[in-house]
PDB file of all heavy atoms in Angstrom:
ATOM      1  N   GLU A   1    -183.400  92.471-100.960  1.00  0.00           N
ATOM      2  CA  GLU A   1    -184.696  92.543-101.627  1.00  0.00           C
ATOM      3  C   GLU A   1    -184.587  92.777-103.125  1.00  0.00           C
ATOM      4  O   GLU A   1    -185.605  93.018-103.787  1.00  0.00           O
ATOM      5  CB  GLU A   1    -185.543  93.653-100.992  1.00  0.00           C
ATOM      6  CG  GLU A   1    -185.926  93.368 -99.548  1.00  0.00           C
ATOM      7  CD  GLU A   1    -187.018  94.284 -99.037  1.00  0.00           C
ATOM      8  OE1 GLU A   1    -187.528  95.108 -99.826  1.00  0.00           O
ATOM      9  OE2 GLU A   1    -187.364  94.175 -97.846  1.00  0.00           O
ATOM     10  N   THR A   2    -183.412  92.695-103.700  1.00  0.00           N
ATOM     11  CA  THR A   2    -183.230  92.939-105.128  1.00  0.00           C
ATOM     12  C   THR A   2    -184.047  91.942-105.939  1.00  0.00           C
ATOM     13  O   THR A   2    -183.864  90.732-105.827  1.00  0.00           O
ATOM     14  CB  THR A   2    -181.749  92.836-105.512  1.00  0.00           C
ATOM     15  OG1 THR A   2    -181.001  93.752-104.713  1.00  0.00           O
ATOM     16  CG2 THR A   2    -181.555  93.160-106.984  1.00  0.00           C
ATOM     17  N   ARG A   3    -184.934  92.474-106.770  1.00  0.00           N
ATOM     18  CA  ARG A   3    -185.794  91.638-107.615  1.00  0.00           C
ATOM     19  C   ARG A   3    -185.503  91.953-109.072  1.00  0.00           C
ATOM     20  O   ARG A   3    -185.468  93.115-109.475  1.00  0.00           O
ATOM     21  CB  ARG A   3    -187.266  91.883-107.304  1.00  0.00           C
ATOM     22  CG  ARG A   3    -188.187  90.919-108.041  1.00  0.00           C
ATOM     23  CD  ARG A   3    -189.614  90.975-107.538  1.00  0.00           C
ATOM     24  NE  ARG A   3    -190.432  89.975-108.231  1.00  0.00           N
ATOM     25  CZ  ARG A   3    -191.729  89.802-108.018  1.00  0.00           C
ATOM     26  NH1 ARG A   3    -192.366  90.554-107.131  1.00  0.00           N
ATOM     27  NH2 ARG A   3    -192.402  88.870-108.686  1.00  0.00           N
ATOM     28  N   PHE A   4    -185.317  90.927-109.885  1.00  0.00           N
ATOM     29  CA  PHE A   4    -184.892  91.105-111.267  1.00  0.00           C
ATOM     30  C   PHE A   4    -186.053  91.152-112.252  1.00  0.00           C
ATOM     31  O   PHE A   4    -185.959  91.790-113.292  1.00  0.00           O
ATOM     32  CB  PHE A   4    -183.921  89.983-111.646  1.00  0.00           C
ATOM     33  CG  PHE A   4    -182.795  89.843-110.669  1.00  0.00           C
ATOM     34  CD1 PHE A   4    -182.728  88.756-109.809  1.00  0.00           C
ATOM     35  CD2 PHE A   4    -181.825  90.823-110.575  1.00  0.00           C
ATOM     36  CE1 PHE A   4    -181.702  88.628-108.894  1.00  0.00           C
ATOM     37  CE2 PHE A   4    -180.796  90.711-109.658  1.00  0.00           C
ATOM     38  CZ  PHE A   4    -180.731  89.613-108.805  1.00  0.00           C
ATOM     39  N   ASN A   5    -187.132  90.444-111.930  1.00  0.00           N
ATOM     40  CA  ASN A   5    -188.265  90.400-112.851  1.00  0.00           C
ATOM     41  C   ASN A   5    -189.554  90.388-112.046  1.00  0.00           C
ATOM     42  O   ASN A   5    -189.677  89.663-111.061  1.00  0.00           O
ATOM     43  CB  ASN A   5    -188.212  89.151-113.726  1.00  0.00           C
ATOM     44  CG  ASN A   5    -189.392  89.059-114.679  1.00  0.00           C
ATOM     45  OD1 ASN A   5    -189.741  90.034-115.336  1.00  0.00           O
ATOM     46  ND2 ASN A   5    -190.020  87.897-114.755  1.00  0.00           N
ATOM     47  N   GLN A   6    -190.493  91.208-112.485  1.00  0.00           N
ATOM     48  CA  GLN A   6    -191.813  91.206-111.895  1.00  0.00           C
ATOM     49  C   GLN A   6    -192.820  91.151-113.018  1.00  0.00           C
ATOM     50  O   GLN A   6    -193.051  92.162-113.690  1.00  0.00           O
ATOM     51  CB  GLN A   6    -192.028  92.465-111.042  1.00  0.00           C
ATOM     52  CG  GLN A   6    -193.362  92.469-110.313  1.00  0.00           C
ATOM     53  CD  GLN A   6    -193.450  93.581-109.283  1.00  0.00           C
ATOM     54  OE1 GLN A   6    -192.441  94.006-108.740  1.00  0.00           O
ATOM     55  NE2 GLN A   6    -194.646  94.055-109.016  1.00  0.00           N
ATOM     56  N   PRO A   7    -193.396  89.963-113.282  1.00  0.00           N
ATOM     57  CA  PRO A   7    -194.310  89.822-114.419  1.00  0.00           C
ATOM     58  C   PRO A   7    -195.379  90.912-114.436  1.00  0.00           C
ATOM     59  O   PRO A   7    -196.037  91.170-113.434  1.00  0.00           O
ATOM     60  CB  PRO A   7    -194.922  88.431-114.197  1.00  0.00           C
ATOM     61  CG  PRO A   7    -193.859  87.685-113.452  1.00  0.00           C
ATOM     62  CD  PRO A   7    -193.224  88.703-112.544  1.00  0.00           C
ATOM     63  N   GLY A   8    -195.510  91.561-115.589  1.00  0.00           N
ATOM     64  CA  GLY A   8    -196.494  92.612-115.744  1.00  0.00           C
ATOM     65  C   GLY A   8    -195.967  94.004-115.505  1.00  0.00           C
ATOM     66  O   GLY A   8    -196.617  94.990-115.868  1.00  0.00           O
ATOM     67  N   ALA A   9    -194.793  94.135-114.891  1.00  0.00           N
ATOM     68  CA  ALA A   9    -194.231  95.453-114.614  1.00  0.00           C
ATOM     69  C   ALA A   9    -193.663  96.073-115.889  1.00  0.00           C
ATOM     70  O   ALA A   9    -193.284  95.369-116.829  1.00  0.00           O
ATOM     71  CB  ALA A   9    -193.144  95.351-113.546  1.00  0.00           C
ATOM     72  N   ASP A  10    -193.579  97.405-115.917  1.00  0.00           N
ATOM     73  CA  ASP A  10    -193.104  98.103-117.114  1.00  0.00           C
ATOM     74  C   ASP A  10    -191.596  97.973-117.295  1.00  0.00           C
ATOM     75  O   ASP A  10    -191.106  97.852-118.413  1.00  0.00           O
ATOM     76  CB  ASP A  10    -193.485  99.584-117.044  1.00  0.00           C
ATOM     77  CG  ASP A  10    -194.989  99.801-117.171  1.00  0.00           C
ATOM     78  OD1 ASP A  10    -195.644  98.949-117.797  1.00  0.00           O
ATOM     79  OD2 ASP A  10    -195.487 100.798-116.630  1.00  0.00           O
ATOM     80  N   ARG A  11    -190.836  98.029-116.195  1.00  0.00           N
ATOM     81  CA  ARG A  11    -189.372  97.995-116.297  1.00  0.00           C
ATOM     82  C   ARG A  11    -188.843  96.793-115.535  1.00  0.00           C
ATOM     83  O   ARG A  11    -188.983  96.709-114.311  1.00  0.00           O
ATOM     84  CB  ARG A  11    -188.763  99.290-115.745  1.00  0.00           C
ATOM     85  CG  ARG A  11    -189.187 100.545-116.495  1.00  0.00           C
ATOM     86  CD  ARG A  11    -188.476 101.766-115.926  1.00  0.00           C
ATOM     87  NE  ARG A  11    -187.063 101.753-116.292  1.00  0.00           N
ATOM     88  CZ  ARG A  11    -186.111 102.349-115.554  1.00  0.00           C
ATOM     89  NH1 ARG A  11    -186.425 102.940-114.423  1.00  0.00           N
ATOM     90  NH2 ARG A  11    -184.854 102.322-115.952  1.00  0.00           N
ATOM     91  N   ASN A  12    -188.247  95.891-116.253  1.00  0.00           N
ATOM     92  CA  ASN A  12    -187.693  94.684-115.657  1.00  0.00           C
ATOM     93  C   ASN A  12    -186.258  94.476-116.126  1.00  0.00           C
ATOM     94  O   ASN A  12    -185.795  95.115-117.065  1.00  0.00           O
ATOM     95  CB  ASN A  12    -188.540  93.460-116.031  1.00  0.00           C
ATOM     96  CG  ASN A  12    -189.763  93.313-115.144  1.00  0.00           C
ATOM     97  OD1 ASN A  12    -189.694  93.568-113.947  1.00  0.00           O
ATOM     98  ND2 ASN A  12    -190.879  92.913-115.726  1.00  0.00           N
ATOM     99  N   TRP A  13    -185.569  93.579-115.411  1.00  0.00           N
ATOM    100  CA  TRP A  13    -184.233  93.147-115.782  1.00  0.00           C
ATOM    101  C   TRP A  13    -183.189  94.266-115.703  1.00  0.00           C
ATOM    102  O   TRP A  13    -182.142  94.182-116.334  1.00  0.00           O
ATOM    103  CB  TRP A  13    -184.221  92.529-117.187  1.00  0.00           C
ATOM    104  CG  TRP A  13    -185.258  91.471-117.357  1.00  0.00           C
ATOM    105  CD1 TRP A  13    -186.411  91.553-118.098  1.00  0.00           C
ATOM    106  CD2 TRP A  13    -185.284  90.189-116.730  1.00  0.00           C
ATOM    107  NE1 TRP A  13    -187.134  90.397-117.983  1.00  0.00           N
ATOM    108  CE2 TRP A  13    -186.476  89.534-117.146  1.00  0.00           C
ATOM    109  CE3 TRP A  13    -184.417  89.518-115.867  1.00  0.00           C
ATOM    110  CZ2 TRP A  13    -186.804  88.247-116.723  1.00  0.00           C
ATOM    111  CZ3 TRP A  13    -184.754  88.244-115.445  1.00  0.00           C
ATOM    112  CH2 TRP A  13    -185.922  87.624-115.887  1.00  0.00           C
ATOM    113  N   ILE A  14    -183.464  95.318-114.932  1.00  0.00           N
ATOM    114  CA  ILE A  14    -182.512  96.425-114.822  1.00  0.00           C
ATOM    115  C   ILE A  14    -181.750  96.410-113.496  1.00  0.00           C
ATOM    116  O   ILE A  14    -180.794  97.158-113.325  1.00  0.00           O
ATOM    117  CB  ILE A  14    -183.202  97.792-114.979  1.00  0.00           C
ATOM    118  CG1 ILE A  14    -184.274  97.988-113.907  1.00  0.00           C
ATOM    119  CG2 ILE A  14    -183.806  97.920-116.375  1.00  0.00           C
ATOM    120  CD1 ILE A  14    -184.895  99.373-113.917  1.00  0.00           C
ATOM    121  N   ALA A  15    -182.161  95.546-112.563  1.00  0.00           N
ATOM    122  CA  ALA A  15    -181.548  95.532-111.235  1.00  0.00           C
ATOM    123  C   ALA A  15    -180.157  94.923-111.276  1.00  0.00           C
ATOM    124  O   ALA A  15    -179.881  93.985-112.034  1.00  0.00           O
ATOM    125  CB  ALA A  15    -182.435  94.775-110.255  1.00  0.00           C
ATOM    126  N   ARG A  16    -179.273  95.456-110.428  1.00  0.00           N
ATOM    127  CA  ARG A  16    -177.922  94.925-110.268  1.00  0.00           C
ATOM    128  C   ARG A  16    -177.676  94.624-108.786  1.00  0.00           C
ATOM    129  O   ARG A  16    -178.290  95.234-107.902  1.00  0.00           O
ATOM    130  CB  ARG A  16    -176.873  95.921-110.763  1.00  0.00           C
ATOM    131  CG  ARG A  16    -177.081  96.425-112.177  1.00  0.00           C
ATOM    132  CD  ARG A  16    -175.858  97.190-112.665  1.00  0.00           C
ATOM    133  NE  ARG A  16    -174.753  96.291-112.947  1.00  0.00           N
ATOM    134  CZ  ARG A  16    -173.495  96.698-113.147  1.00  0.00           C
ATOM    135  NH1 ARG A  16    -173.194  97.985-113.066  1.00  0.00           N
ATOM    136  NH2 ARG A  16    -172.546  95.829-113.420  1.00  0.00           N
ATOM    137  N   LEU A  17    -176.792  93.710-108.524  1.00  0.00           N
ATOM    138  CA  LEU A  17    -176.408  93.449-107.145  1.00  0.00           C
ATOM    139  C   LEU A  17    -175.714  94.676-106.568  1.00  0.00           C
ATOM    140  O   LEU A  17    -175.059  95.433-107.295  1.00  0.00           O
ATOM    141  CB  LEU A  17    -175.486  92.235-107.074  1.00  0.00           C
ATOM    142  CG  LEU A  17    -176.090  90.898-107.511  1.00  0.00           C
ATOM    143  CD1 LEU A  17    -175.051  89.791-107.405  1.00  0.00           C
ATOM    144  CD2 LEU A  17    -177.317  90.559-106.682  1.00  0.00           C
ATOM    145  N   PRO A  18    -175.814  94.891-105.257  1.00  0.00           N
ATOM    146  CA  PRO A  18    -175.198  96.084-104.672  1.00  0.00           C
ATOM    147  C   PRO A  18    -173.679  96.070-104.719  1.00  0.00           C
ATOM    148  O   PRO A  18    -173.039  97.126-104.755  1.00  0.00           O
ATOM    149  CB  PRO A  18    -175.710  96.079-103.232  1.00  0.00           C
ATOM    150  CG  PRO A  18    -176.069  94.647-102.954  1.00  0.00           C
ATOM    151  CD  PRO A  18    -176.558  94.102-104.261  1.00  0.00           C
ATOM    152  N   LEU A  19    -173.087  94.875-104.702  1.00  0.00           N
ATOM    153  CA  LEU A  19    -171.628  94.712-104.739  1.00  0.00           C
ATOM    154  C   LEU A  19    -171.282  93.564-105.677  1.00  0.00           C
ATOM    155  O   LEU A  19    -172.138  92.742-106.023  1.00  0.00           O
ATOM    156  CB  LEU A  19    -171.075  94.391-103.338  1.00  0.00           C
ATOM    157  CG  LEU A  19    -171.249  95.406-102.215  1.00  0.00           C
ATOM    158  CD1 LEU A  19    -170.813  94.778-100.903  1.00  0.00           C
ATOM    159  CD2 LEU A  19    -170.448  96.671-102.491  1.00  0.00           C
ATOM    160  N   SER A  20    -170.035  93.493-106.074  1.00  0.00           N
ATOM    161  CA  SER A  20    -169.573  92.304-106.779  1.00  0.00           C
ATOM    162  C   SER A  20    -169.580  91.139-105.789  1.00  0.00           C
ATOM    163  O   SER A  20    -169.498  91.337-104.562  1.00  0.00           O
ATOM    164  CB  SER A  20    -168.164  92.518-107.326  1.00  0.00           C
ATOM    165  OG  SER A  20    -167.222  92.562-106.259  1.00  0.00           O
ATOM    166  N   LEU A  21    -169.683  89.928-106.294  1.00  0.00           N
ATOM    167  CA  LEU A  21    -169.665  88.767-105.406  1.00  0.00           C
ATOM    168  C   LEU A  21    -168.329  88.637-104.688  1.00  0.00           C
ATOM    169  O   LEU A  21    -168.273  88.175-103.542  1.00  0.00           O
ATOM    170  CB  LEU A  21    -169.987  87.501-106.203  1.00  0.00           C
ATOM    171  CG  LEU A  21    -171.434  87.390-106.702  1.00  0.00           C
ATOM    172  CD1 LEU A  21    -171.626  86.120-107.522  1.00  0.00           C
ATOM    173  CD2 LEU A  21    -172.429  87.432-105.551  1.00  0.00           C
ATOM    174  N   ALA A  22    -167.252  89.060-105.335  1.00  0.00           N
ATOM    175  CA  ALA A  22    -165.951  89.046-104.674  1.00  0.00           C
ATOM    176  C   ALA A  22    -165.959  89.978-103.467  1.00  0.00           C
ATOM    177  O   ALA A  22    -165.434  89.641-102.389  1.00  0.00           O
ATOM    178  CB  ALA A  22    -164.861  89.452-105.660  1.00  0.00           C
ATOM    179  N   ASP A  23    -166.548  91.166-103.615  1.00  0.00           N
ATOM    180  CA  ASP A  23    -166.636  92.097-102.485  1.00  0.00           C
ATOM    181  C   ASP A  23    -167.553  91.558-101.395  1.00  0.00           C
ATOM    182  O   ASP A  23    -167.312  91.795-100.204  1.00  0.00           O
ATOM    183  CB  ASP A  23    -167.132  93.464-102.960  1.00  0.00           C
ATOM    184  CG  ASP A  23    -166.061  94.254-103.692  1.00  0.00           C
ATOM    185  OD1 ASP A  23    -164.873  93.906-103.552  1.00  0.00           O
ATOM    186  OD2 ASP A  23    -166.411  95.205-104.409  1.00  0.00           O
ATOM    187  N   CYS A  24    -168.602  90.849-101.782  1.00  0.00           N
ATOM    188  CA  CYS A  24    -169.487  90.254-100.779  1.00  0.00           C
ATOM    189  C   CYS A  24    -168.728  89.268 -99.895  1.00  0.00           C
ATOM    190  O   CYS A  24    -169.019  89.147 -98.695  1.00  0.00           O
ATOM    191  CB  CYS A  24    -170.659  89.549-101.450  1.00  0.00           C
ATOM    192  SG  CYS A  24    -171.876  90.663-102.197  1.00  0.00           S
ATOM    193  N   ARG A  25    -167.780  88.569-100.475  1.00  0.00           N
ATOM    194  CA  ARG A  25    -167.008  87.587 -99.704  1.00  0.00           C
ATOM    195  C   ARG A  25    -166.086  88.249 -98.681  1.00  0.00           C
ATOM    196  O   ARG A  25    -165.734  87.631 -97.678  1.00  0.00           O
ATOM    197  CB  ARG A  25    -166.159  86.736-100.651  1.00  0.00           C
ATOM    198  CG  ARG A  25    -166.937  85.717-101.445  1.00  0.00           C
ATOM    199  CD  ARG A  25    -167.273  84.486-100.620  1.00  0.00           C
ATOM    200  NE  ARG A  25    -166.105  83.645-100.378  1.00  0.00           N
ATOM    201  CZ  ARG A  25    -165.981  82.815 -99.357  1.00  0.00           C
ATOM    202  NH1 ARG A  25    -166.926  82.740 -98.450  1.00  0.00           N
ATOM    203  NH2 ARG A  25    -164.898  82.068 -99.212  1.00  0.00           N
ATOM    204  N   SER A  26    -165.737  89.508 -98.938  1.00  0.00           N
ATOM    205  CA  SER A  26    -164.735  90.141 -98.069  1.00  0.00           C
ATOM    206  C   SER A  26    -165.274  91.284 -97.226  1.00  0.00           C
ATOM    207  O   SER A  26    -164.588  91.753 -96.319  1.00  0.00           O
ATOM    208  CB  SER A  26    -163.574  90.662 -98.925  1.00  0.00           C
ATOM    209  OG  SER A  26    -164.025  91.618 -99.873  1.00  0.00           O
ATOM    210  N   ARG A  27    -166.493  91.748 -97.498  1.00  0.00           N
ATOM    211  CA  ARG A  27    -167.013  92.915 -96.791  1.00  0.00           C
ATOM    212  C   ARG A  27    -168.173  92.547 -95.858  1.00  0.00           C
ATOM    213  O   ARG A  27    -168.999  91.709 -96.167  1.00  0.00           O
ATOM    214  CB  ARG A  27    -167.506  93.977 -97.786  1.00  0.00           C
ATOM    215  CG  ARG A  27    -166.414  94.603 -98.618  1.00  0.00           C
ATOM    216  CD  ARG A  27    -166.995  95.770 -99.404  1.00  0.00           C
ATOM    217  NE  ARG A  27    -166.060  96.289-100.399  1.00  0.00           N
ATOM    218  CZ  ARG A  27    -166.334  97.301-101.216  1.00  0.00           C
ATOM    219  NH1 ARG A  27    -167.527  97.896-101.145  1.00  0.00           N
ATOM    220  NH2 ARG A  27    -165.445  97.709-102.092  1.00  0.00           N
ATOM    221  N   SER A  28    -168.209  93.237 -94.742  1.00  0.00           N
ATOM    222  CA  SER A  28    -169.317  93.096 -93.815  1.00  0.00           C
ATOM    223  C   SER A  28    -170.538  93.839 -94.379  1.00  0.00           C
ATOM    224  O   SER A  28    -170.371  94.868 -95.055  1.00  0.00           O
ATOM    225  CB  SER A  28    -168.911  93.691 -92.465  1.00  0.00           C
ATOM    226  OG  SER A  28    -169.910  93.514 -91.499  1.00  0.00           O
ATOM    227  N   PRO A  29    -171.751  93.349 -94.175  1.00  0.00           N
ATOM    228  CA  PRO A  29    -172.136  92.192 -93.354  1.00  0.00           C
ATOM    229  C   PRO A  29    -172.182  90.876 -94.124  1.00  0.00           C
ATOM    230  O   PRO A  29    -172.459  89.825 -93.544  1.00  0.00           O
ATOM    231  CB  PRO A  29    -173.540  92.580 -92.893  1.00  0.00           C
ATOM    232  CG  PRO A  29    -174.106  93.305 -94.072  1.00  0.00           C
ATOM    233  CD  PRO A  29    -172.951  94.094 -94.665  1.00  0.00           C
ATOM    234  N   PHE A  30    -171.900  90.939 -95.425  1.00  0.00           N
ATOM    235  CA  PHE A  30    -172.061  89.731 -96.239  1.00  0.00           C
ATOM    236  C   PHE A  30    -171.015  88.668 -95.922  1.00  0.00           C
ATOM    237  O   PHE A  30    -171.301  87.471 -95.993  1.00  0.00           O
ATOM    238  CB  PHE A  30    -172.022  90.085 -97.720  1.00  0.00           C
ATOM    239  CG  PHE A  30    -173.145  90.970 -98.172  1.00  0.00           C
ATOM    240  CD1 PHE A  30    -172.904  92.222 -98.693  1.00  0.00           C
ATOM    241  CD2 PHE A  30    -174.462  90.546 -98.051  1.00  0.00           C
ATOM    242  CE1 PHE A  30    -173.942  93.043 -99.097  1.00  0.00           C
ATOM    243  CE2 PHE A  30    -175.521  91.355 -98.457  1.00  0.00           C
ATOM    244  CZ  PHE A  30    -175.254  92.615 -98.977  1.00  0.00           C
ATOM    245  N   ALA A  31    -169.793  89.096 -95.573  1.00  0.00           N
ATOM    246  CA  ALA A  31    -168.726  88.120 -95.331  1.00  0.00           C
ATOM    247  C   ALA A  31    -169.102  87.177 -94.190  1.00  0.00           C
ATOM    248  O   ALA A  31    -168.932  85.953 -94.287  1.00  0.00           O
ATOM    249  CB  ALA A  31    -167.417  88.842 -95.027  1.00  0.00           C
ATOM    250  N   GLU A  32    -169.623  87.735 -93.102  1.00  0.00           N
ATOM    251  CA  GLU A  32    -170.013  86.908 -91.966  1.00  0.00           C
ATOM    252  C   GLU A  32    -171.194  86.008 -92.327  1.00  0.00           C
ATOM    253  O   GLU A  32    -171.237  84.832 -91.939  1.00  0.00           O
ATOM    254  CB  GLU A  32    -170.379  87.799 -90.772  1.00  0.00           C
ATOM    255  CG  GLU A  32    -169.237  88.663 -90.249  1.00  0.00           C
ATOM    256  CD  GLU A  32    -169.050  89.962 -91.019  1.00  0.00           C
ATOM    257  OE1 GLU A  32    -169.795  90.194 -91.993  1.00  0.00           O
ATOM    258  OE2 GLU A  32    -168.160  90.739 -90.643  1.00  0.00           O
ATOM    259  N   LEU A  33    -172.134  86.563 -93.067  1.00  0.00           N
ATOM    260  CA  LEU A  33    -173.285  85.772 -93.498  1.00  0.00           C
ATOM    261  C   LEU A  33    -172.848  84.590 -94.354  1.00  0.00           C
ATOM    262  O   LEU A  33    -173.288  83.450 -94.148  1.00  0.00           O
ATOM    263  CB  LEU A  33    -174.243  86.664 -94.289  1.00  0.00           C
ATOM    264  CG  LEU A  33    -175.392  85.955 -95.014  1.00  0.00           C
ATOM    265  CD1 LEU A  33    -176.362  85.337 -94.021  1.00  0.00           C
ATOM    266  CD2 LEU A  33    -176.115  86.918 -95.951  1.00  0.00           C
ATOM    267  N   LEU A  34    -171.967  84.829 -95.300  1.00  0.00           N
ATOM    268  CA  LEU A  34    -171.540  83.768 -96.216  1.00  0.00           C
ATOM    269  C   LEU A  34    -170.734  82.695 -95.490  1.00  0.00           C
ATOM    270  O   LEU A  34    -170.798  81.516 -95.847  1.00  0.00           O
ATOM    271  CB  LEU A  34    -170.740  84.370 -97.367  1.00  0.00           C
ATOM    272  CG  LEU A  34    -171.567  85.268 -98.308  1.00  0.00           C
ATOM    273  CD1 LEU A  34    -170.659  85.992 -99.301  1.00  0.00           C
ATOM    274  CD2 LEU A  34    -172.622  84.456 -99.050  1.00  0.00           C
ATOM    275  N   SER A  35    -170.004  83.091 -94.464  1.00  0.00           N
ATOM    276  CA  SER A  35    -169.290  82.103 -93.659  1.00  0.00           C
ATOM    277  C   SER A  35    -170.281  81.174 -92.961  1.00  0.00           C
ATOM    278  O   SER A  35    -170.081  79.944 -92.921  1.00  0.00           O
ATOM    279  CB  SER A  35    -168.410  82.816 -92.620  1.00  0.00           C
ATOM    280  OG  SER A  35    -167.761  81.876 -91.796  1.00  0.00           O
ATOM    281  N   SER A  36    -171.376  81.736 -92.462  1.00  0.00           N
ATOM    282  CA  SER A  36    -172.407  80.917 -91.821  1.00  0.00           C
ATOM    283  C   SER A  36    -173.090  80.009 -92.836  1.00  0.00           C
ATOM    284  O   SER A  36    -173.406  78.850 -92.533  1.00  0.00           O
ATOM    285  CB  SER A  36    -173.441  81.817 -91.148  1.00  0.00           C
ATOM    286  OG  SER A  36    -172.859  82.585 -90.117  1.00  0.00           O
ATOM    287  N   ILE A  37    -173.307  80.520 -94.044  1.00  0.00           N
ATOM    288  CA  ILE A  37    -173.963  79.712 -95.078  1.00  0.00           C
ATOM    289  C   ILE A  37    -173.075  78.544 -95.491  1.00  0.00           C
ATOM    290  O   ILE A  37    -173.562  77.421 -95.717  1.00  0.00           O
ATOM    291  CB  ILE A  37    -174.334  80.594 -96.278  1.00  0.00           C
ATOM    292  CG1 ILE A  37    -175.469  81.549 -95.888  1.00  0.00           C
ATOM    293  CG2 ILE A  37    -174.759  79.739 -97.482  1.00  0.00           C
ATOM    294  CD1 ILE A  37    -175.826  82.559 -96.949  1.00  0.00           C
ATOM    295  N   ARG A  38    -171.765  78.770 -95.562  1.00  0.00           N
ATOM    296  CA  ARG A  38    -170.875  77.646 -95.889  1.00  0.00           C
ATOM    297  C   ARG A  38    -170.966  76.563 -94.812  1.00  0.00           C
ATOM    298  O   ARG A  38    -170.945  75.371 -95.122  1.00  0.00           O
ATOM    299  CB  ARG A  38    -169.434  78.118 -96.045  1.00  0.00           C
ATOM    300  CG  ARG A  38    -168.499  76.952 -96.372  1.00  0.00           C
ATOM    301  CD  ARG A  38    -167.093  77.357 -96.710  1.00  0.00           C
ATOM    302  NE  ARG A  38    -166.238  76.173 -96.791  1.00  0.00           N
ATOM    303  CZ  ARG A  38    -166.117  75.384 -97.836  1.00  0.00           C
ATOM    304  NH1 ARG A  38    -166.811  75.640 -98.934  1.00  0.00           N
ATOM    305  NH2 ARG A  38    -165.331  74.328 -97.815  1.00  0.00           N
ATOM    306  N   SER A  39    -171.104  76.969 -93.565  1.00  0.00           N
ATOM    307  CA  SER A  39    -171.262  75.986 -92.493  1.00  0.00           C
ATOM    308  C   SER A  39    -172.561  75.200 -92.670  1.00  0.00           C
ATOM    309  O   SER A  39    -172.601  73.984 -92.429  1.00  0.00           O
ATOM    310  CB  SER A  39    -171.249  76.688 -91.133  1.00  0.00           C
ATOM    311  OG  SER A  39    -170.003  77.318 -90.896  1.00  0.00           O
ATOM    312  N   LEU A  40    -173.619  75.898 -93.086  1.00  0.00           N
ATOM    313  CA  LEU A  40    -174.883  75.210 -93.338  1.00  0.00           C
ATOM    314  C   LEU A  40    -174.743  74.222 -94.494  1.00  0.00           C
ATOM    315  O   LEU A  40    -175.300  73.116 -94.450  1.00  0.00           O
ATOM    316  CB  LEU A  40    -175.979  76.220 -93.658  1.00  0.00           C
ATOM    317  CG  LEU A  40    -176.435  77.146 -92.530  1.00  0.00           C
ATOM    318  CD1 LEU A  40    -177.519  78.092 -93.039  1.00  0.00           C
ATOM    319  CD2 LEU A  40    -176.948  76.346 -91.338  1.00  0.00           C
ATOM    320  N   LEU A  41    -174.019  74.610 -95.529  1.00  0.00           N
ATOM    321  CA  LEU A  41    -173.794  73.718 -96.664  1.00  0.00           C
ATOM    322  C   LEU A  41    -173.057  72.452 -96.218  1.00  0.00           C
ATOM    323  O   LEU A  41    -173.398  71.337 -96.624  1.00  0.00           O
ATOM    324  CB  LEU A  41    -172.996  74.441 -97.751  1.00  0.00           C
ATOM    325  CG  LEU A  41    -173.761  75.468 -98.581  1.00  0.00           C
ATOM    326  CD1 LEU A  41    -172.788  76.389 -99.320  1.00  0.00           C
ATOM    327  CD2 LEU A  41    -174.663  74.769 -99.586  1.00  0.00           C
ATOM    328  N   ALA A  42    -172.062  72.638 -95.363  1.00  0.00           N
ATOM    329  CA  ALA A  42    -171.296  71.491 -94.879  1.00  0.00           C
ATOM    330  C   ALA A  42    -172.172  70.571 -94.029  1.00  0.00           C
ATOM    331  O   ALA A  42    -172.157  69.348 -94.187  1.00  0.00           O
ATOM    332  CB  ALA A  42    -170.091  71.978 -94.083  1.00  0.00           C
ATOM    333  N   ALA A  43    -172.957  71.177 -93.127  1.00  0.00           N
ATOM    334  CA  ALA A  43    -173.786  70.379 -92.226  1.00  0.00           C
ATOM    335  C   ALA A  43    -174.875  69.624 -92.978  1.00  0.00           C
ATOM    336  O   ALA A  43    -175.294  68.540 -92.552  1.00  0.00           O
ATOM    337  CB  ALA A  43    -174.404  71.289 -91.163  1.00  0.00           C
ATOM    338  N   SER A  44    -175.333  70.178 -94.101  1.00  0.00           N
ATOM    339  CA  SER A  44    -176.407  69.541 -94.865  1.00  0.00           C
ATOM    340  C   SER A  44    -175.906  68.468 -95.816  1.00  0.00           C
ATOM    341  O   SER A  44    -176.702  67.781 -96.448  1.00  0.00           O
ATOM    342  CB  SER A  44    -177.169  70.601 -95.661  1.00  0.00           C
ATOM    343  OG  SER A  44    -176.352  71.144 -96.694  1.00  0.00           O
TER     344      SER A  44
END
């Protein structure tokens, strides 16, 4: 649910991803999710 900009809000552009993208590739639950997404990319 990380949102970077909400027009009209007082504080924007301060959000960061919870992990580095490299860690997302190797850590659960993101690793399994990304493996499924690569399969979707291939099938499409």
